[in-house]
N, C-alpha and C. Protein backbone atom coordinates (compact mmCIF):
# COMPACT_ATOMS: atom_id res chain seq x y z
N MET A 1 22.98 13.21 33.83
CA MET A 1 22.63 13.51 32.66
C MET A 1 22.40 14.58 32.19
N PRO A 2 23.32 15.50 31.06
CA PRO A 2 22.89 16.82 30.96
C PRO A 2 21.76 16.25 29.87
N ALA A 3 21.02 17.58 29.79
CA ALA A 3 19.59 17.23 28.69
C ALA A 3 19.77 18.89 27.97
N PHE A 4 19.25 18.62 26.90
CA PHE A 4 18.98 19.83 25.89
C PHE A 4 17.15 19.94 25.49
N SER A 5 16.87 20.92 25.80
CA SER A 5 15.30 20.67 25.60
C SER A 5 15.06 21.52 24.42
N LEU A 6 14.37 21.16 23.49
CA LEU A 6 13.96 21.72 21.82
C LEU A 6 12.98 22.67 21.81
N ASP A 7 12.65 23.52 21.90
CA ASP A 7 11.48 24.90 22.02
C ASP A 7 11.18 25.01 20.32
N TYR A 8 10.64 23.85 19.70
CA TYR A 8 9.94 23.81 18.88
C TYR A 8 8.77 24.66 18.34
N ARG A 9 8.47 25.13 17.26
CA ARG A 9 7.69 26.09 17.00
C ARG A 9 6.32 25.10 16.88
N LEU A 10 4.96 25.94 17.67
CA LEU A 10 3.83 25.16 17.45
C LEU A 10 2.75 25.88 16.44
N ALA A 11 1.63 24.71 16.12
CA ALA A 11 0.54 25.52 15.86
C ALA A 11 -0.04 26.19 16.52
N PRO A 12 -0.99 27.02 16.35
CA PRO A 12 -1.59 27.18 14.99
C PRO A 12 -0.69 28.23 14.35
N GLU A 13 0.44 29.24 15.55
CA GLU A 13 1.06 30.39 14.84
C GLU A 13 1.85 29.44 13.79
N HIS A 14 2.72 28.78 13.98
CA HIS A 14 3.36 27.91 13.18
C HIS A 14 2.99 26.49 12.64
N PRO A 15 2.42 26.20 11.85
CA PRO A 15 1.97 25.08 11.50
C PRO A 15 2.92 23.98 10.42
N PHE A 16 2.55 23.11 10.08
CA PHE A 16 3.45 22.19 8.81
C PHE A 16 4.07 22.78 7.92
N PRO A 17 5.28 22.67 8.03
CA PRO A 17 5.89 21.77 8.41
C PRO A 17 7.61 22.23 9.45
N ALA A 18 6.92 23.51 9.97
CA ALA A 18 8.00 23.81 10.99
C ALA A 18 8.60 23.41 11.92
N ALA A 19 7.63 22.21 12.88
CA ALA A 19 8.21 21.70 13.81
C ALA A 19 9.41 20.67 13.19
N ILE A 20 8.82 20.51 12.29
CA ILE A 20 9.95 19.34 11.55
C ILE A 20 11.25 20.12 11.07
N GLU A 21 11.20 21.12 10.70
CA GLU A 21 12.22 21.73 10.62
C GLU A 21 13.41 21.98 11.42
N ASP A 22 12.38 22.29 12.78
CA ASP A 22 13.29 22.49 14.14
C ASP A 22 13.91 21.53 14.44
N GLY A 23 13.38 20.37 14.40
CA GLY A 23 13.78 18.80 14.55
C GLY A 23 15.17 18.94 13.62
N LEU A 24 15.03 18.97 12.57
CA LEU A 24 16.13 18.91 11.57
C LEU A 24 17.28 19.90 12.03
N SER A 25 16.97 20.80 12.61
CA SER A 25 17.81 21.76 12.91
C SER A 25 18.72 21.33 14.04
N ALA A 26 17.92 21.10 14.88
CA ALA A 26 18.43 20.48 15.69
C ALA A 26 19.73 19.35 16.19
N TYR A 27 19.10 18.54 14.78
CA TYR A 27 20.01 17.37 14.67
C TYR A 27 21.39 17.95 14.43
N HIS A 28 20.92 18.52 13.17
CA HIS A 28 22.38 19.77 12.49
C HIS A 28 23.09 20.01 13.64
N ALA A 29 22.54 20.86 14.85
CA ALA A 29 23.00 21.55 15.83
C ALA A 29 24.12 20.47 16.48
N LEU A 30 23.63 19.18 17.06
CA LEU A 30 23.94 18.21 17.57
C LEU A 30 25.49 17.53 16.76
N LEU A 31 25.19 17.19 15.13
CA LEU A 31 26.19 16.63 14.45
C LEU A 31 27.34 17.75 14.17
N ASP A 32 26.76 18.87 14.19
CA ASP A 32 27.84 20.49 14.02
C ASP A 32 28.35 20.26 15.60
N SER A 33 28.40 19.95 16.57
CA SER A 33 29.12 20.29 17.80
C SER A 33 29.90 18.76 18.16
N GLY A 34 29.98 18.22 17.15
CA GLY A 34 30.67 16.74 17.22
C GLY A 34 29.85 15.31 17.96
N GLU A 35 28.81 15.75 18.11
CA GLU A 35 28.02 14.20 18.38
C GLU A 35 28.14 13.10 17.35
N ALA A 36 28.26 11.96 17.64
CA ALA A 36 28.31 11.11 17.01
C ALA A 36 26.74 10.57 16.54
N PRO A 37 26.66 10.62 15.09
CA PRO A 37 25.25 9.75 14.61
C PRO A 37 24.56 8.59 15.55
N SER A 38 25.83 7.49 15.82
CA SER A 38 25.40 6.50 16.40
C SER A 38 25.41 6.37 17.98
N ALA A 39 25.54 7.86 18.47
CA ALA A 39 25.16 7.52 20.11
C ALA A 39 23.95 9.06 19.66
N ILE A 40 23.15 8.87 18.79
CA ILE A 40 21.69 9.38 19.24
C ILE A 40 20.88 9.17 18.57
N ALA A 41 19.54 8.94 19.96
CA ALA A 41 18.78 8.09 19.23
C ALA A 41 17.48 9.54 19.35
N PHE A 42 16.32 9.57 18.60
CA PHE A 42 15.27 10.44 18.23
C PHE A 42 14.21 9.48 19.04
N ALA A 43 13.87 9.76 20.34
CA ALA A 43 12.48 9.47 20.65
C ALA A 43 11.38 10.87 21.58
N GLY A 44 10.30 10.15 21.43
CA GLY A 44 8.80 11.16 21.75
C GLY A 44 7.74 10.50 21.82
N ASP A 45 6.97 11.46 22.54
CA ASP A 45 5.46 10.94 22.93
C ASP A 45 4.08 11.50 22.22
N SER A 46 3.45 11.33 21.30
CA SER A 46 2.20 11.62 21.01
C SER A 46 2.89 12.43 20.06
N ALA A 47 2.74 13.90 19.86
CA ALA A 47 2.87 14.13 18.42
C ALA A 47 4.43 14.55 18.43
N GLY A 48 5.40 14.77 19.76
CA GLY A 48 6.64 14.59 19.37
C GLY A 48 7.22 12.75 18.87
N GLY A 49 6.23 12.18 19.44
CA GLY A 49 6.51 10.81 18.49
C GLY A 49 6.60 10.77 17.31
N GLY A 50 5.65 11.06 16.76
CA GLY A 50 5.49 11.61 15.23
C GLY A 50 6.55 12.16 14.76
N LEU A 51 7.16 13.52 15.68
CA LEU A 51 7.88 14.61 15.36
C LEU A 51 9.41 13.45 15.22
N ALA A 52 9.46 12.25 15.89
CA ALA A 52 10.85 11.61 15.91
C ALA A 52 10.94 10.99 14.61
N VAL A 53 9.91 10.33 14.36
CA VAL A 53 9.60 9.50 12.55
C VAL A 53 9.99 10.59 11.64
N THR A 54 9.16 11.83 11.80
CA THR A 54 9.18 12.83 10.69
C THR A 54 10.44 13.52 10.52
N ALA A 55 11.40 14.01 11.55
CA ALA A 55 12.53 14.59 11.26
C ALA A 55 13.57 13.59 11.11
N CYS A 56 13.28 12.23 11.24
CA CYS A 56 14.39 11.30 10.63
C CYS A 56 14.43 11.07 9.46
N LEU A 57 12.99 11.35 8.75
CA LEU A 57 12.73 11.31 7.62
C LEU A 57 13.39 12.72 6.66
N ALA A 58 13.12 13.40 7.36
CA ALA A 58 13.83 14.89 6.86
C ALA A 58 15.15 14.89 6.94
N ALA A 59 15.75 14.07 8.00
CA ALA A 59 17.35 14.35 8.02
C ALA A 59 18.43 13.30 6.95
N ARG A 60 17.70 12.31 6.68
CA ARG A 60 17.67 11.26 5.44
C ARG A 60 17.67 12.07 4.23
N ASP A 61 16.37 12.48 3.83
CA ASP A 61 16.68 13.52 2.36
C ASP A 61 17.08 14.37 2.44
N ALA A 62 17.38 14.76 3.65
CA ALA A 62 18.76 15.92 3.68
C ALA A 62 20.58 15.21 3.40
N GLY A 63 20.13 14.01 3.15
CA GLY A 63 21.71 13.13 3.14
C GLY A 63 22.47 13.51 4.91
N LEU A 64 21.70 13.56 5.76
CA LEU A 64 22.45 13.15 6.96
C LEU A 64 22.72 12.22 7.32
N PRO A 65 23.93 11.61 8.57
CA PRO A 65 23.62 10.16 8.56
C PRO A 65 22.57 10.10 9.42
N MET A 66 22.01 8.63 9.49
CA MET A 66 20.78 8.54 10.27
C MET A 66 21.55 8.78 11.86
N PRO A 67 20.70 8.32 12.97
CA PRO A 67 21.01 8.20 14.18
C PRO A 67 20.69 6.82 14.12
N ALA A 68 21.02 6.62 15.68
CA ALA A 68 21.16 4.82 16.41
C ALA A 68 19.68 4.40 16.18
N ALA A 69 18.30 5.01 16.41
CA ALA A 69 17.65 4.35 17.03
C ALA A 69 16.54 5.22 17.07
N ILE A 70 15.29 5.46 17.07
CA ILE A 70 14.12 5.97 16.90
C ILE A 70 13.10 5.22 17.94
N VAL A 71 12.81 6.05 19.24
CA VAL A 71 11.54 5.29 19.93
C VAL A 71 10.26 6.55 19.91
N ALA A 72 9.20 5.66 19.85
CA ALA A 72 8.08 6.66 19.95
C ALA A 72 7.21 5.58 20.28
N PHE A 73 6.47 6.66 21.58
CA PHE A 73 5.44 6.27 22.62
C PHE A 73 4.09 6.89 21.98
N SER A 74 3.18 6.12 21.59
CA SER A 74 1.48 6.95 21.23
C SER A 74 1.90 7.86 20.00
N PRO A 75 2.79 7.61 19.09
CA PRO A 75 3.40 8.51 18.03
C PRO A 75 1.61 8.73 17.11
N GLY A 76 1.56 10.09 16.64
CA GLY A 76 0.60 10.71 15.73
C GLY A 76 1.32 10.36 14.47
N LEU A 77 1.39 9.57 13.71
CA LEU A 77 1.33 8.94 12.41
C LEU A 77 0.86 9.13 11.31
N ASP A 78 -0.34 9.46 11.29
CA ASP A 78 -1.44 9.54 10.27
C ASP A 78 -2.29 10.72 10.16
N MET A 79 -2.15 11.81 9.79
CA MET A 79 -2.93 12.95 9.77
C MET A 79 -4.09 12.47 8.75
N THR A 80 -4.48 11.30 8.19
CA THR A 80 -5.67 11.38 7.16
C THR A 80 -6.43 10.61 8.11
N ARG A 81 -6.40 10.46 9.31
CA ARG A 81 -7.07 9.85 10.36
C ARG A 81 -8.21 8.58 9.72
N THR A 82 -7.28 7.43 8.90
CA THR A 82 -8.32 6.48 8.18
C THR A 82 -8.15 5.35 9.13
N GLY A 83 -7.13 5.34 10.12
CA GLY A 83 -6.62 3.95 10.77
C GLY A 83 -8.21 3.93 11.55
N ALA A 84 -8.27 2.16 11.37
CA ALA A 84 -9.45 1.44 11.65
C ALA A 84 -9.70 1.53 13.38
N SER A 85 -8.37 1.95 14.13
CA SER A 85 -8.40 2.20 15.31
C SER A 85 -9.37 3.60 15.93
N MET A 86 -9.44 4.35 14.52
CA MET A 86 -9.96 5.99 14.96
C MET A 86 -11.53 5.68 15.72
N ASP A 87 -12.27 4.15 14.73
CA ASP A 87 -13.38 4.27 14.96
C ASP A 87 -13.69 3.01 16.08
N SER A 88 -12.91 1.91 15.83
CA SER A 88 -12.51 0.78 16.80
C SER A 88 -12.70 1.32 18.44
N LYS A 89 -11.74 2.76 18.31
CA LYS A 89 -11.49 2.70 19.61
C LYS A 89 -11.96 3.62 20.09
N ALA A 90 -12.83 4.26 19.44
CA ALA A 90 -13.79 5.75 19.81
C ALA A 90 -14.49 5.30 20.86
N GLY A 91 -14.30 6.35 22.14
CA GLY A 91 -15.00 6.34 23.47
C GLY A 91 -14.50 5.41 24.12
N VAL A 92 -13.24 4.51 23.80
CA VAL A 92 -12.63 3.88 24.86
C VAL A 92 -11.25 4.51 24.97
N ASP A 93 -10.78 5.43 24.29
CA ASP A 93 -9.12 5.68 24.25
C ASP A 93 -9.64 6.68 25.74
N PRO A 94 -8.51 6.42 26.41
CA PRO A 94 -8.39 7.42 27.95
C PRO A 94 -8.00 8.96 27.42
N PHE A 95 -7.97 9.39 26.40
CA PHE A 95 -7.26 11.16 26.00
C PHE A 95 -8.07 11.35 25.04
N PHE A 96 -7.94 10.73 23.53
CA PHE A 96 -8.15 11.14 22.31
C PHE A 96 -10.04 11.75 21.97
N THR A 97 -10.19 12.22 21.54
CA THR A 97 -11.65 12.00 20.82
C THR A 97 -11.27 12.04 18.92
N ARG A 98 -11.94 11.91 18.28
CA ARG A 98 -12.11 12.28 16.87
C ARG A 98 -12.36 13.94 16.48
N ALA A 99 -12.98 14.43 17.60
CA ALA A 99 -13.25 16.00 17.09
C ALA A 99 -12.24 16.47 17.81
N GLY A 100 -11.39 16.32 18.73
CA GLY A 100 -10.08 16.62 19.26
C GLY A 100 -9.20 16.82 18.24
N LEU A 101 -8.96 15.23 18.10
CA LEU A 101 -7.88 15.17 16.68
C LEU A 101 -8.26 16.27 15.41
N ASP A 102 -9.47 16.05 14.94
CA ASP A 102 -9.66 16.57 13.96
C ASP A 102 -9.58 18.60 14.11
N HIS A 103 -9.70 18.81 15.30
CA HIS A 103 -9.40 20.17 15.57
C HIS A 103 -7.89 20.75 15.71
N THR A 104 -7.12 19.73 16.39
CA THR A 104 -5.53 20.18 16.50
C THR A 104 -5.11 19.86 15.07
N GLY A 105 -5.26 18.39 14.71
CA GLY A 105 -5.02 18.54 13.30
C GLY A 105 -5.17 19.50 11.98
N ALA A 106 -6.43 19.95 12.05
CA ALA A 106 -6.58 21.25 11.43
C ALA A 106 -5.78 22.12 10.98
N MET A 107 -5.45 22.51 12.79
CA MET A 107 -4.39 23.78 13.09
C MET A 107 -2.98 23.33 12.58
N TYR A 108 -2.58 22.37 12.58
CA TYR A 108 -1.46 21.58 11.95
C TYR A 108 -0.89 21.68 10.59
N LEU A 109 -2.42 20.95 9.99
CA LEU A 109 -2.48 21.04 8.68
C LEU A 109 -2.20 22.38 7.96
N ALA A 110 -3.40 23.54 8.39
CA ALA A 110 -3.41 25.17 7.48
C ALA A 110 -3.64 24.48 6.43
N GLY A 111 -4.58 23.64 5.64
CA GLY A 111 -5.18 23.80 4.71
C GLY A 111 -3.94 22.79 3.82
N GLN A 112 -3.09 21.98 4.24
CA GLN A 112 -2.09 21.12 3.60
C GLN A 112 -2.94 19.53 3.48
N ASP A 113 -2.99 19.30 2.39
CA ASP A 113 -2.92 17.93 2.03
C ASP A 113 -2.28 16.67 3.02
N PRO A 114 -3.32 15.77 3.95
CA PRO A 114 -2.57 14.91 4.73
C PRO A 114 -2.10 13.71 4.02
N HIS A 115 -2.02 13.62 2.73
CA HIS A 115 -2.01 12.37 2.29
C HIS A 115 -0.54 12.63 1.62
N GLN A 116 0.50 12.57 2.20
CA GLN A 116 1.97 13.20 2.29
C GLN A 116 2.70 12.44 3.40
N PRO A 117 4.23 11.84 3.15
CA PRO A 117 4.90 11.06 3.71
C PRO A 117 5.26 11.93 4.87
N MET A 118 5.58 13.54 4.90
CA MET A 118 5.37 13.96 6.19
C MET A 118 4.71 14.07 7.29
N LEU A 119 3.40 13.59 6.92
CA LEU A 119 1.80 14.10 7.76
C LEU A 119 1.29 12.95 7.79
N SER A 120 1.84 11.50 6.82
CA SER A 120 0.73 10.39 7.20
C SER A 120 2.34 9.02 6.79
N PRO A 121 3.26 9.55 7.66
CA PRO A 121 4.34 8.39 7.62
C PRO A 121 3.82 6.65 7.66
N ALA A 122 2.94 6.37 8.50
CA ALA A 122 2.56 5.38 8.70
C ALA A 122 2.13 4.44 7.72
N THR A 123 1.58 5.39 6.37
CA THR A 123 1.13 4.45 5.34
C THR A 123 1.83 5.01 4.35
N LEU A 124 2.20 6.45 4.06
CA LEU A 124 3.18 6.38 3.34
C LEU A 124 4.65 6.87 2.73
N ALA A 125 5.24 6.64 3.70
CA ALA A 125 7.06 7.16 3.84
C ALA A 125 7.62 5.87 3.56
N ASP A 126 8.30 6.11 2.34
CA ASP A 126 9.45 5.36 2.24
C ASP A 126 10.63 5.56 3.24
N LEU A 127 10.69 3.97 4.29
CA LEU A 127 11.67 4.32 5.62
C LEU A 127 12.53 3.43 5.14
N THR A 128 13.20 3.67 4.08
CA THR A 128 14.73 2.67 3.54
C THR A 128 15.60 3.40 4.48
N GLY A 129 16.35 2.68 4.61
CA GLY A 129 17.53 3.30 5.52
C GLY A 129 17.59 4.07 6.93
N PHE A 130 16.47 3.57 7.42
CA PHE A 130 15.78 4.11 8.91
C PHE A 130 16.30 3.26 9.59
N PRO A 131 16.66 3.66 10.94
CA PRO A 131 17.67 3.28 11.65
C PRO A 131 16.60 2.16 12.34
N PRO A 132 16.89 1.65 13.60
CA PRO A 132 16.55 0.37 14.08
C PRO A 132 15.10 1.15 15.44
N MET A 133 13.82 0.47 15.26
CA MET A 133 12.70 1.36 15.94
C MET A 133 11.86 0.69 16.76
N LEU A 134 11.25 1.76 18.34
CA LEU A 134 10.71 0.80 18.83
C LEU A 134 9.45 1.71 19.24
N LEU A 135 8.40 1.32 19.22
CA LEU A 135 7.21 2.11 19.10
C LEU A 135 6.30 1.52 19.86
N GLN A 136 5.57 1.92 20.86
CA GLN A 136 4.53 1.76 21.89
C GLN A 136 3.20 2.49 21.98
N SER A 137 2.52 1.68 21.87
CA SER A 137 0.88 2.30 21.96
C SER A 137 0.11 1.20 22.55
N GLY A 138 -0.79 2.24 23.55
CA GLY A 138 -1.84 1.73 24.00
C GLY A 138 -2.77 1.20 23.31
N THR A 139 -3.66 -0.47 23.97
CA THR A 139 -4.51 -1.35 23.50
C THR A 139 -5.78 -0.15 23.28
N ASN A 140 -6.14 0.73 24.07
CA ASN A 140 -7.13 1.31 23.42
C ASN A 140 -6.96 2.69 22.91
N GLU A 141 -6.08 2.87 22.61
CA GLU A 141 -5.59 4.19 22.01
C GLU A 141 -6.25 4.30 20.28
N MET A 142 -6.89 5.29 19.60
CA MET A 142 -7.42 5.72 18.25
C MET A 142 -6.37 5.60 17.66
N ILE A 143 -5.08 6.07 18.19
CA ILE A 143 -3.89 6.04 17.07
C ILE A 143 -3.17 4.46 17.17
N LEU A 144 -3.68 3.95 17.37
CA LEU A 144 -3.02 2.37 17.51
C LEU A 144 -2.73 1.97 16.13
N LYS A 145 -3.50 2.12 15.36
CA LYS A 145 -3.61 1.32 14.23
C LYS A 145 -2.65 1.65 13.05
N PRO A 146 -2.43 3.14 13.20
CA PRO A 146 -1.39 3.70 12.32
C PRO A 146 0.21 3.35 12.81
N ALA A 147 0.28 3.16 14.37
CA ALA A 147 1.76 2.66 14.84
C ALA A 147 1.79 1.32 14.25
N ASP A 148 0.99 0.54 14.37
CA ASP A 148 1.19 -0.86 13.82
C ASP A 148 1.39 -0.61 12.08
N GLY A 149 0.70 0.14 11.54
CA GLY A 149 1.07 0.30 10.40
C GLY A 149 2.33 0.66 9.79
N LEU A 150 3.43 1.54 10.50
CA LEU A 150 4.15 2.20 9.90
C LEU A 150 5.05 0.77 10.42
N MET A 151 4.85 -0.13 11.57
CA MET A 151 6.13 -1.03 11.80
C MET A 151 5.50 -2.15 10.37
N GLN A 152 4.40 -2.44 9.66
CA GLN A 152 4.69 -3.12 8.88
C GLN A 152 5.45 -2.25 7.66
N THR A 153 4.99 -0.82 7.44
CA THR A 153 5.46 -0.49 6.39
C THR A 153 7.00 -0.55 6.57
N ALA A 154 7.80 -0.68 7.44
CA ALA A 154 9.24 -0.71 7.89
C ALA A 154 9.61 -1.94 7.49
N ALA A 155 9.26 -3.02 8.04
CA ALA A 155 9.21 -4.36 7.44
C ALA A 155 9.39 -4.57 5.83
N ARG A 156 8.39 -3.72 5.18
CA ARG A 156 8.30 -4.06 3.85
C ARG A 156 8.92 -3.04 2.53
N ARG A 157 9.22 -1.81 3.72
CA ARG A 157 9.58 -0.94 2.96
C ARG A 157 11.80 -0.25 3.35
N GLY A 158 11.95 -1.24 3.08
CA GLY A 158 13.71 -1.49 3.19
C GLY A 158 14.14 -1.51 4.90
N ARG A 159 13.50 -2.35 5.68
CA ARG A 159 13.71 -2.27 6.91
C ARG A 159 13.78 -4.03 7.19
N VAL A 160 13.91 -4.85 6.48
CA VAL A 160 13.74 -6.01 6.10
C VAL A 160 15.38 -6.54 6.47
N GLY A 161 15.49 -7.26 7.55
CA GLY A 161 17.08 -7.68 7.67
C GLY A 161 17.55 -6.89 8.92
N ARG A 162 16.89 -5.80 9.49
CA ARG A 162 17.87 -5.04 10.16
C ARG A 162 16.37 -4.86 11.56
N PRO A 163 17.18 -4.78 12.80
CA PRO A 163 16.17 -4.73 14.04
C PRO A 163 15.05 -3.87 13.85
N VAL A 164 13.95 -4.43 14.16
CA VAL A 164 13.08 -3.18 14.50
C VAL A 164 11.84 -4.35 15.60
N ALA A 165 11.51 -3.17 16.26
CA ALA A 165 10.97 -3.94 17.41
C ALA A 165 9.25 -3.24 17.74
N ASP A 166 8.46 -3.66 17.74
CA ASP A 166 7.20 -3.16 18.39
C ASP A 166 6.50 -3.52 19.48
N ARG A 167 6.09 -2.52 20.56
CA ARG A 167 5.31 -2.83 21.46
C ARG A 167 3.94 -1.90 21.81
N LEU A 168 2.79 -3.04 21.33
CA LEU A 168 1.59 -2.02 21.49
C LEU A 168 0.54 -2.95 22.38
N GLY A 169 0.12 -2.16 22.98
CA GLY A 169 -0.84 -2.13 24.24
C GLY A 169 -0.01 -1.72 25.72
N GLY A 170 -1.46 -1.79 26.43
CA GLY A 170 -1.32 -1.36 27.90
C GLY A 170 -0.96 -0.12 28.49
N ARG A 171 -1.05 0.75 27.85
CA ARG A 171 -0.63 1.98 27.61
C ARG A 171 -1.87 3.22 28.25
N GLY A 172 -1.80 4.17 29.02
CA GLY A 172 -2.97 5.13 29.62
C GLY A 172 -2.97 6.42 28.81
N GLY A 173 -3.04 7.32 29.17
CA GLY A 173 -3.22 8.44 28.58
C GLY A 173 -2.53 9.75 28.52
N ARG A 174 -1.50 9.46 29.23
CA ARG A 174 -0.29 10.31 29.60
C ARG A 174 0.24 10.61 28.49
N ARG A 175 0.21 12.61 28.19
CA ARG A 175 0.89 12.99 26.66
C ARG A 175 2.16 13.48 26.99
N GLY A 176 3.18 13.20 26.21
CA GLY A 176 4.41 14.66 26.43
C GLY A 176 5.36 14.57 25.08
N ASP A 177 6.41 15.19 25.23
CA ASP A 177 6.99 14.89 23.97
C ASP A 177 8.47 15.05 24.17
N GLY A 178 9.22 14.06 23.57
CA GLY A 178 10.99 14.38 23.65
C GLY A 178 11.57 13.82 22.80
N VAL A 179 12.92 14.20 22.68
CA VAL A 179 14.02 13.62 21.90
C VAL A 179 15.08 13.10 22.99
N MET A 180 15.74 12.03 22.85
CA MET A 180 16.45 11.51 23.46
C MET A 180 17.99 11.09 22.84
N ARG A 181 19.12 11.29 23.58
CA ARG A 181 20.11 10.65 23.11
C ARG A 181 20.67 9.85 23.65
N ARG A 182 21.43 8.87 23.32
CA ARG A 182 21.94 7.78 24.26
C ARG A 182 23.49 7.64 23.58
N SER A 183 24.41 6.84 24.84
CA SER A 183 25.89 6.79 24.17
C SER A 183 26.56 5.72 24.37
N ARG A 184 25.41 4.61 24.70
CA ARG A 184 25.61 3.22 25.06
C ARG A 184 24.42 2.37 23.84
N PRO A 185 25.05 1.00 23.72
CA PRO A 185 23.99 -0.01 22.98
C PRO A 185 22.82 0.15 23.63
N ARG A 186 22.70 0.47 25.35
CA ARG A 186 21.12 0.16 25.59
C ARG A 186 20.59 1.45 25.55
N PRO A 187 19.17 1.44 26.02
CA PRO A 187 18.41 2.49 25.60
C PRO A 187 18.31 3.66 27.12
N VAL A 188 18.55 4.70 26.93
CA VAL A 188 18.14 5.49 28.15
C VAL A 188 17.00 6.62 28.35
N ALA A 189 16.91 6.88 29.24
CA ALA A 189 15.12 7.31 29.69
C ALA A 189 15.43 8.58 29.91
N GLY A 190 14.51 9.77 29.00
CA GLY A 190 14.83 11.09 29.47
C GLY A 190 13.19 11.42 29.14
N GLY A 191 12.60 12.89 29.58
CA GLY A 191 11.50 13.56 29.57
C GLY A 191 11.83 15.08 28.94
N GLY A 192 10.62 15.33 28.86
CA GLY A 192 10.72 16.87 29.00
C GLY A 192 9.24 17.61 29.45
N ARG A 193 8.90 18.27 29.66
CA ARG A 193 7.22 18.98 30.09
C ARG A 193 6.53 18.57 28.65
N PRO A 194 5.24 18.65 28.55
CA PRO A 194 4.32 18.26 27.38
C PRO A 194 4.29 19.42 26.57
N GLY A 195 4.63 18.97 25.47
CA GLY A 195 4.50 19.82 24.33
C GLY A 195 6.16 20.35 23.95
N ARG A 196 7.23 19.94 24.72
CA ARG A 196 8.73 20.14 24.16
C ARG A 196 9.49 18.80 24.61
N PRO A 197 10.14 18.63 23.30
CA PRO A 197 11.12 17.61 23.27
C PRO A 197 12.38 18.25 24.17
N CYS A 198 12.80 16.94 24.20
CA CYS A 198 14.20 16.77 25.59
C CYS A 198 15.18 16.06 24.71
N CYS A 199 16.24 16.55 24.62
CA CYS A 199 17.57 15.95 24.16
C CYS A 199 18.52 15.33 25.55
N ALA A 200 18.36 14.12 25.99
CA ALA A 200 19.40 13.97 26.64
C ALA A 200 20.55 13.25 26.31
N ARG A 201 21.70 13.35 27.30
CA ARG A 201 22.95 12.42 26.90
C ARG A 201 23.60 12.10 28.13
N SER A 202 24.21 11.35 28.13
CA SER A 202 25.11 10.78 29.52
C SER A 202 26.76 11.30 29.10
């Protein structure tokens, strides 16, 4: 299975919205190369999971056709850090701490207000027209509640009557980023080194 790895720009040198712009550019490139949107799925892990969602928001707002699906593992979806799991899972999360999330979040925000859809899609994004989504988050993750919130938003804002799936629970502390492509109705697996998305096609 050939793969395309996107070296998107990283904070602090390139804060918001650089990564989203790069994700959108990559999607443009796939479409311009003749790939059908119905054969493309956005997928990512951790920050890449959030990027899969926000890049899809950017694509929709730019008038591009939607990909076939979004798959996000332990996605970062709420830069306001107000989800209940930020407190209830503190101390049991196998990877994150509030101090760590605040530190990396400040680098990405670079002074921007986190109360906007591209930074906190779990609570603020209008998901009208979005493709089906599969979200997975671990029971003990501090970012669990925003993932649940996004699924509720999907059902409430334009996703009723379309297939939406979520699975919350049972995940450890591994993190990495990715963007996957598929050409069949079944999902395909892909991967990339942590901090970089991967675009795979069959």
